[in-house]
Amino acid sequence: MSPGQSERPPRNLDAPSVGALLLTLALMGWSHLVSGQPASYERERERFAGEMAERHGLEVERVRALLGHAAYRQKIIDAMERPYESMPWHRYRGLFLTPERIAGGVAFWRRNAEILSRAERTYGVPPEVIVAILGIETSYGARLGNHRAIDALTTLGFSYPKRADFFRGELEQLLLLNLEDQVDALGAMGSYAGALGKPQFIPSSYRTYAVDFDGDGKRDLWSCDADVVGSVANYLARHGWRRDEPIAFRARVSRALPSDLGVAEKKPLAPNTTVGDLRAAGVEWQGIVDGKVAAALLRLDGVEDEHWIALENFYVITRYNHSNLYAMAAFQLSQAIKDRFRGGS
């Protein structure tokens, strides 16, 4: 506890929509138990409530009440064990490079053309990249997730040892969002990993990178497309997006590569060499690129192996989701959306 914290009155966790419910739950204590939950769940929940009260000056009874209304969900644990990113590239690509998602991206761009242009001027991120990420994350808001964020984050934070520390941190961030942005900690719906809104920001990203892009005094990643677009652009810019620079291009390997080159596959690799060094190692491509440009060689398991030269902006996209498959799907979807948008069909 920081100096003077004990002199500060405990803060209230109530969101407007759940205030009356929390008063009731405070009297009920831990009575809301879920059949089948691991023994660790209740023990870790109590420990976490005490930590939140100590660190942030919250009323421990109200933290307990809020967490007591969360539920352990085994299907969330199951989903964590079979992520999409474990698929081979040729299957993963097919999930996102679809006519429906391309058409949906064009429609979203047309509806939000002025906002996307303003985001590009402000942050340097082109519209097609922002749109493609929203397409992959939630089909432009059509699929916002069917798990309560508090269920996902308590389940993973209290009963998923492999990544418990990470998800406990995100649960803490969700409760702070409840205080700062009036995000309803009980009602907010999201992914099985607790990601929120149209861009699927985890709570720490919401707190750090979400922006009020329409100037109404709120950061709303569910229903305000201006805030959604601006927040995705801000996220990429803050992670090093390079204005007007390319993302990746297709390559061909003409001979055996040096053993010390380092080739990325599913796991992201920051640019570890230069385009010129890749050319000298036997990597070929069409077009003219400055040999001093930083790059990494990427190999994907398509129907036949694919090689790509991934530049700094490609690596930035992997900061949104730490997977080369994700970044490549976002890149290819962005190009397909841009081609269709520019073609006017």
Protein backbone atom coordinates (compact mmCIF):
# COMPACT_ATOMS: atom_id res chain seq x y z
CA MET A 1 0.00 0.00 0.00
CA SER A 2 1.40 3.38 -0.99
CA PRO A 3 1.96 6.14 1.62
CA GLY A 4 -1.30 7.84 2.55
CA GLN A 5 -3.46 5.23 0.85
CA SER A 6 -5.09 4.19 4.13
CA GLU A 7 -6.32 7.77 4.55
CA ARG A 8 -8.18 7.67 1.25
CA PRO A 9 -11.75 6.32 1.35
CA PRO A 10 -12.13 3.00 -0.49
CA ARG A 11 -13.34 3.40 -4.07
CA ASN A 12 -16.62 2.02 -5.31
CA LEU A 13 -16.52 -0.55 -8.12
CA ASP A 14 -20.16 -0.15 -9.12
CA ALA A 15 -20.96 0.48 -12.77
CA PRO A 16 -24.31 2.27 -13.18
CA SER A 17 -25.99 -0.81 -14.62
CA VAL A 18 -24.92 -3.14 -11.81
CA GLY A 19 -25.01 -0.99 -8.69
CA ALA A 20 -28.15 -2.48 -7.18
CA LEU A 21 -26.99 -5.99 -8.01
CA LEU A 22 -23.67 -5.48 -6.25
CA LEU A 23 -25.36 -4.26 -3.08
CA THR A 24 -27.25 -7.53 -2.97
CA LEU A 25 -24.18 -9.58 -3.79
CA ALA A 26 -22.19 -7.88 -1.05
CA LEU A 27 -24.60 -9.41 1.44
CA MET A 28 -24.46 -12.79 -0.28
CA GLY A 29 -20.65 -13.00 -0.14
CA TRP A 30 -19.36 -16.04 -2.02
CA SER A 31 -22.69 -17.83 -2.36
CA HIS A 32 -22.59 -17.92 -6.17
CA LEU A 33 -20.53 -21.08 -6.75
CA VAL A 34 -20.31 -23.00 -9.98
CA SER A 35 -20.51 -26.77 -10.06
CA GLY A 36 -17.31 -28.39 -11.23
CA GLN A 37 -14.95 -25.50 -10.64
CA PRO A 38 -11.41 -26.46 -9.53
CA ALA A 39 -10.45 -26.06 -5.91
CA SER A 40 -8.01 -23.33 -6.94
CA TYR A 41 -10.77 -21.08 -8.23
CA GLU A 42 -12.31 -19.95 -4.95
CA ARG A 43 -8.96 -19.79 -3.16
CA GLU A 44 -7.39 -17.60 -5.87
CA ARG A 45 -10.50 -15.46 -6.10
CA GLU A 46 -10.26 -14.57 -2.41
CA ARG A 47 -6.55 -13.81 -2.71
CA PHE A 48 -7.12 -11.63 -5.76
CA ALA A 49 -9.88 -9.64 -4.01
CA GLY A 50 -7.48 -8.82 -1.19
CA GLU A 51 -4.76 -7.79 -3.63
CA MET A 52 -7.12 -5.45 -5.50
CA ALA A 53 -8.27 -3.84 -2.27
CA GLU A 54 -4.71 -3.29 -1.09
CA ARG A 55 -3.28 -2.02 -4.38
CA HIS A 56 -6.11 0.24 -5.48
CA GLY A 57 -7.94 1.31 -2.31
CA LEU A 58 -11.11 -0.55 -3.27
CA GLU A 59 -13.70 -1.86 -0.84
CA VAL A 60 -12.80 -5.52 -0.48
CA GLU A 61 -16.44 -6.54 0.08
CA ARG A 62 -17.45 -5.04 -3.23
CA VAL A 63 -14.56 -6.68 -5.06
CA ARG A 64 -15.63 -9.98 -3.53
CA ALA A 65 -19.21 -9.34 -4.54
CA LEU A 66 -18.25 -8.58 -8.14
CA LEU A 67 -16.02 -11.64 -8.41
CA GLY A 68 -18.61 -13.74 -6.66
CA HIS A 69 -20.94 -13.15 -9.58
CA ALA A 70 -18.34 -14.48 -12.05
CA ALA A 71 -18.53 -18.12 -13.11
CA TYR A 72 -15.91 -20.72 -13.87
CA ARG A 73 -16.29 -21.95 -17.47
CA GLN A 74 -14.53 -25.14 -18.50
CA LYS A 75 -15.18 -24.45 -22.17
CA ILE A 76 -12.95 -21.38 -21.89
CA ILE A 77 -10.06 -23.58 -20.73
CA ASP A 78 -10.83 -25.97 -23.59
CA ALA A 79 -10.76 -23.14 -26.14
CA MET A 80 -7.36 -21.97 -24.88
CA GLU A 81 -5.98 -25.41 -25.69
CA ARG A 82 -6.99 -25.29 -29.36
CA PRO A 83 -6.29 -21.79 -30.74
CA TYR A 84 -6.83 -21.04 -34.43
CA GLU A 85 -3.15 -20.15 -34.74
CA SER A 86 -2.20 -23.81 -34.29
CA MET A 87 -3.65 -24.55 -37.76
CA PRO A 88 -1.51 -24.81 -40.90
CA TRP A 89 -1.47 -21.64 -42.98
CA HIS A 90 -3.53 -23.00 -45.85
CA ARG A 91 -6.41 -23.77 -43.46
CA TYR A 92 -6.05 -20.61 -41.40
CA ARG A 93 -6.08 -18.41 -44.51
CA GLY A 94 -9.35 -19.94 -45.63
CA LEU A 95 -11.09 -18.78 -42.46
CA PHE A 96 -10.53 -15.11 -43.25
CA LEU A 97 -9.93 -14.64 -46.97
CA THR A 98 -13.58 -15.13 -47.88
CA PRO A 99 -15.88 -13.23 -50.26
CA GLU A 100 -18.14 -12.30 -47.34
CA ARG A 101 -15.33 -10.82 -45.28
CA ILE A 102 -13.95 -8.90 -48.26
CA ALA A 103 -17.38 -7.50 -49.09
CA GLY A 104 -17.96 -6.64 -45.45
CA GLY A 105 -14.67 -4.77 -45.36
CA VAL A 106 -15.57 -2.73 -48.40
CA ALA A 107 -18.94 -1.85 -46.84
CA PHE A 108 -17.31 -0.86 -43.54
CA TRP A 109 -14.78 1.32 -45.40
CA ARG A 110 -17.51 3.08 -47.35
CA ARG A 111 -19.53 3.75 -44.20
CA ASN A 112 -16.49 5.10 -42.37
CA ALA A 113 -14.42 6.63 -45.16
CA GLU A 114 -13.94 10.02 -43.49
CA ILE A 115 -12.99 8.48 -40.14
CA LEU A 116 -10.51 6.11 -41.78
CA SER A 117 -8.94 8.96 -43.74
CA ARG A 118 -8.60 11.00 -40.58
CA ALA A 119 -7.01 8.05 -38.78
CA GLU A 120 -4.50 7.67 -41.61
CA ARG A 121 -3.61 11.36 -41.43
CA THR A 122 -3.27 11.19 -37.66
CA TYR A 123 -1.48 7.88 -37.20
CA GLY A 124 -0.11 6.94 -40.62
CA VAL A 125 -1.95 3.61 -40.80
CA PRO A 126 -3.79 3.00 -44.11
CA PRO A 127 -7.53 2.31 -44.05
CA GLU A 128 -7.30 -1.18 -45.50
CA VAL A 129 -5.09 -2.41 -42.65
CA ILE A 130 -7.44 -1.07 -39.97
CA VAL A 131 -10.45 -2.54 -41.76
CA ALA A 132 -8.82 -5.94 -42.26
CA ILE A 133 -7.96 -6.25 -38.57
CA LEU A 134 -11.56 -5.48 -37.64
CA GLY A 135 -12.69 -8.05 -40.18
CA ILE A 136 -10.53 -10.76 -38.69
CA GLU A 137 -11.31 -9.87 -35.10
CA THR A 138 -15.11 -9.57 -35.16
CA SER A 139 -16.33 -9.47 -38.76
CA TYR A 140 -16.68 -5.69 -38.40
CA GLY A 141 -18.61 -5.99 -35.16
CA ALA A 142 -20.95 -8.82 -36.13
CA ARG A 143 -19.25 -11.30 -33.77
CA LEU A 144 -18.25 -9.61 -30.55
CA GLY A 145 -17.81 -12.80 -28.56
CA ASN A 146 -20.22 -14.85 -26.50
CA HIS A 147 -18.34 -15.02 -23.19
CA ARG A 148 -18.62 -12.56 -20.36
CA ALA A 149 -15.17 -11.04 -19.97
CA ILE A 150 -15.27 -11.47 -16.22
CA ASP A 151 -15.99 -15.21 -16.59
CA ALA A 152 -13.13 -15.62 -19.04
CA LEU A 153 -10.60 -13.69 -16.98
CA THR A 154 -11.48 -15.25 -13.63
CA THR A 155 -11.47 -18.73 -15.16
CA LEU A 156 -8.07 -18.22 -16.75
CA GLY A 157 -6.61 -16.13 -13.96
CA PHE A 158 -7.57 -18.52 -11.18
CA SER A 159 -7.53 -21.93 -12.87
CA TYR A 160 -5.17 -21.87 -15.87
CA PRO A 161 -1.68 -22.13 -14.37
CA LYS A 162 0.17 -21.85 -17.70
CA ARG A 163 -0.86 -18.21 -18.09
CA ALA A 164 -2.55 -17.38 -14.81
CA ASP A 165 -0.36 -14.35 -14.06
CA PHE A 166 -1.16 -12.77 -17.41
CA PHE A 167 -4.91 -13.21 -17.06
CA ARG A 168 -4.96 -12.07 -13.43
CA GLY A 169 -3.33 -8.90 -14.69
CA GLU A 170 -6.03 -8.52 -17.34
CA LEU A 171 -8.76 -9.10 -14.74
CA GLU A 172 -7.24 -6.30 -12.68
CA GLN A 173 -7.30 -4.07 -15.77
CA LEU A 174 -10.98 -4.93 -16.39
CA LEU A 175 -11.94 -3.82 -12.90
CA LEU A 176 -9.99 -0.59 -13.38
CA LEU A 177 -11.82 -0.03 -16.66
CA ASN A 178 -15.02 -0.35 -14.68
CA LEU A 179 -13.87 2.60 -12.61
CA GLU A 180 -12.35 4.75 -15.33
CA ASP A 181 -14.45 4.21 -18.45
CA GLN A 182 -17.70 2.97 -16.97
CA VAL A 183 -17.19 -0.38 -18.71
CA ASP A 184 -19.71 -2.76 -17.15
CA ALA A 185 -17.47 -5.40 -15.61
CA LEU A 186 -20.37 -7.85 -15.27
CA GLY A 187 -22.03 -7.25 -18.61
CA ALA A 188 -19.08 -6.78 -20.98
CA MET A 189 -19.01 -9.58 -23.53
CA GLY A 190 -15.93 -10.69 -25.42
CA SER A 191 -13.74 -13.58 -26.52
CA TYR A 192 -12.75 -16.66 -24.56
CA ALA A 193 -9.56 -14.78 -23.68
CA GLY A 194 -11.37 -11.71 -22.37
CA ALA A 195 -10.84 -9.46 -25.41
CA LEU A 196 -13.33 -6.63 -25.75
CA GLY A 197 -15.25 -4.72 -28.39
CA LYS A 198 -14.99 -4.59 -32.16
CA PRO A 199 -11.16 -4.52 -32.16
CA GLN A 200 -10.96 -7.20 -29.43
CA PHE A 201 -8.64 -5.27 -27.14
CA ILE A 202 -7.63 -7.06 -23.98
CA PRO A 203 -8.38 -4.81 -20.99
CA SER A 204 -4.79 -3.57 -20.61
CA SER A 205 -4.76 -2.56 -24.29
CA TYR A 206 -8.14 -0.87 -23.86
CA ARG A 207 -6.78 1.22 -21.00
CA THR A 208 -3.50 2.03 -22.79
CA TYR A 209 -4.37 2.41 -26.48
CA ALA A 210 -8.08 3.13 -26.83
CA VAL A 211 -8.79 6.72 -27.87
CA ASP A 212 -11.80 9.00 -27.89
CA PHE A 213 -11.67 9.67 -31.63
CA ASP A 214 -15.07 11.34 -31.89
CA GLY A 215 -14.47 13.72 -28.98
CA ASP A 216 -17.54 12.83 -26.93
CA GLY A 217 -15.55 12.25 -23.75
CA LYS A 218 -15.83 8.44 -23.82
CA ARG A 219 -13.80 5.57 -25.26
CA ASP A 220 -16.39 3.17 -26.63
CA LEU A 221 -15.06 0.15 -28.52
CA TRP A 222 -18.45 -1.51 -28.96
CA SER A 223 -20.74 1.00 -30.63
CA CYS A 224 -18.59 3.97 -31.73
CA ASP A 225 -16.82 3.23 -35.00
CA ALA A 226 -14.77 6.42 -34.72
CA ASP A 227 -13.27 5.26 -31.43
CA VAL A 228 -12.78 1.76 -32.82
CA VAL A 229 -10.92 2.95 -35.92
CA GLY A 230 -8.84 5.51 -34.05
CA SER A 231 -7.91 2.99 -31.37
CA VAL A 232 -6.68 0.34 -33.82
CA ALA A 233 -4.64 2.98 -35.65
CA ASN A 234 -3.22 4.30 -32.39
CA TYR A 235 -2.29 0.78 -31.28
CA LEU A 236 -0.33 0.11 -34.46
CA ALA A 237 1.30 3.53 -34.44
CA ARG A 238 2.38 3.14 -30.82
CA HIS A 239 3.99 -0.20 -31.74
CA GLY A 240 6.12 1.38 -34.45
CA TRP A 241 4.04 1.54 -37.64
CA ARG A 242 6.00 3.20 -40.45
CA ARG A 243 3.93 5.57 -42.52
CA ASP A 244 3.86 4.88 -46.29
CA GLU A 245 6.11 1.82 -46.02
CA PRO A 246 5.19 -1.65 -47.36
CA ILE A 247 4.29 -4.67 -45.23
CA ALA A 248 5.55 -7.80 -47.00
CA PHE A 249 6.10 -9.27 -50.44
CA ARG A 250 6.31 -12.75 -51.91
CA ALA A 251 9.72 -14.31 -52.46
CA ARG A 252 11.32 -17.45 -53.86
CA VAL A 253 14.26 -19.36 -52.43
CA SER A 254 16.56 -20.54 -55.20
CA ARG A 255 19.06 -22.53 -53.14
CA ALA A 256 19.74 -23.86 -49.66
CA LEU A 257 19.77 -21.06 -47.13
CA PRO A 258 22.62 -20.43 -44.70
CA SER A 259 22.05 -22.29 -41.44
CA ASP A 260 22.44 -19.13 -39.38
CA LEU A 261 19.93 -17.04 -41.33
CA GLY A 262 16.92 -17.60 -39.08
CA VAL A 263 13.62 -18.18 -40.84
CA ALA A 264 10.32 -17.29 -39.17
CA GLU A 265 7.39 -19.69 -39.35
CA LYS A 266 4.40 -19.32 -37.04
CA LYS A 267 6.27 -17.46 -34.31
CA PRO A 268 6.96 -13.78 -35.07
CA LEU A 269 10.51 -12.69 -35.71
CA ALA A 270 11.54 -9.07 -35.68
CA PRO A 271 13.49 -8.10 -38.80
CA ASN A 272 16.86 -9.75 -38.24
CA THR A 273 18.64 -9.02 -41.50
CA THR A 274 18.33 -6.81 -44.57
CA VAL A 275 16.75 -7.23 -47.96
CA GLY A 276 20.23 -7.08 -49.49
CA ASP A 277 21.50 -9.90 -47.30
CA LEU A 278 18.49 -12.02 -48.22
CA ARG A 279 19.23 -11.44 -51.89
CA ALA A 280 22.83 -12.53 -51.33
CA ALA A 281 21.60 -15.68 -49.55
CA GLY A 282 19.58 -16.75 -52.60
CA VAL A 283 16.18 -15.21 -51.90
CA GLU A 284 14.60 -13.75 -55.04
CA TRP A 285 11.61 -11.52 -55.72
CA GLN A 286 10.17 -9.19 -58.31
CA GLY A 287 10.40 -5.45 -57.93
CA ILE A 288 12.94 -2.99 -56.62
CA VAL A 289 13.56 -2.69 -52.89
CA ASP A 290 16.41 -0.85 -51.19
CA GLY A 291 18.89 -3.45 -50.01
CA LYS A 292 19.31 -1.68 -46.66
CA VAL A 293 15.68 -2.21 -45.64
CA ALA A 294 15.36 -4.35 -42.49
CA ALA A 295 13.54 -7.63 -43.09
CA ALA A 296 12.93 -11.19 -41.97
CA LEU A 297 12.34 -14.25 -44.14
CA LEU A 298 9.05 -15.98 -43.49
CA ARG A 299 8.07 -19.53 -44.45
CA LEU A 300 4.42 -20.58 -44.32
CA ASP A 301 3.01 -24.07 -44.74
CA GLY A 302 0.61 -23.53 -47.59
CA VAL A 303 -0.47 -26.21 -50.03
CA GLU A 304 3.14 -25.73 -51.05
CA ASP A 305 5.59 -23.88 -48.84
CA GLU A 306 5.40 -20.10 -49.29
CA HIS A 307 8.26 -17.70 -48.64
CA TRP A 308 7.69 -14.05 -47.86
CA ILE A 309 9.91 -11.13 -46.99
CA ALA A 310 8.37 -9.55 -43.90
CA LEU A 311 9.22 -5.91 -43.21
CA GLU A 312 8.88 -3.76 -40.09
CA ASN A 313 5.16 -3.10 -40.59
CA PHE A 314 4.49 -6.83 -40.80
CA TYR A 315 6.15 -7.26 -37.43
CA VAL A 316 4.01 -4.42 -36.04
CA ILE A 317 0.86 -6.33 -37.00
CA THR A 318 2.17 -9.32 -35.04
CA ARG A 319 2.14 -7.09 -31.95
CA TYR A 320 -1.66 -7.08 -32.28
CA ASN A 321 -1.74 -10.87 -32.28
CA HIS A 322 1.55 -12.68 -31.78
CA SER A 323 1.25 -14.92 -34.82
CA ASN A 324 2.68 -14.71 -38.32
CA LEU A 325 -0.45 -16.46 -39.58
CA TYR A 326 -2.57 -13.66 -38.18
CA ALA A 327 -0.38 -10.93 -39.63
CA MET A 328 -0.32 -12.55 -43.06
CA ALA A 329 -4.08 -13.04 -43.07
CA ALA A 330 -4.53 -9.38 -42.10
CA PHE A 331 -2.12 -8.28 -44.83
CA GLN A 332 -3.73 -10.37 -47.56
CA LEU A 333 -7.26 -9.45 -46.50
CA SER A 334 -6.27 -5.77 -46.51
CA GLN A 335 -5.03 -6.06 -50.09
CA ALA A 336 -8.18 -7.84 -51.22
CA ILE A 337 -10.38 -5.22 -49.57
CA LYS A 338 -8.38 -2.36 -51.07
CA ASP A 339 -8.53 -3.88 -54.55
CA ARG A 340 -12.29 -4.30 -54.32
CA PHE A 341 -12.81 -0.83 -52.81
CA ARG A 342 -10.67 0.87 -55.46
CA GLY A 343 -12.38 -1.12 -58.19
CA GLY A 344 -15.74 0.20 -57.06
CA SER A 345 -17.54 -3.15 -57.10
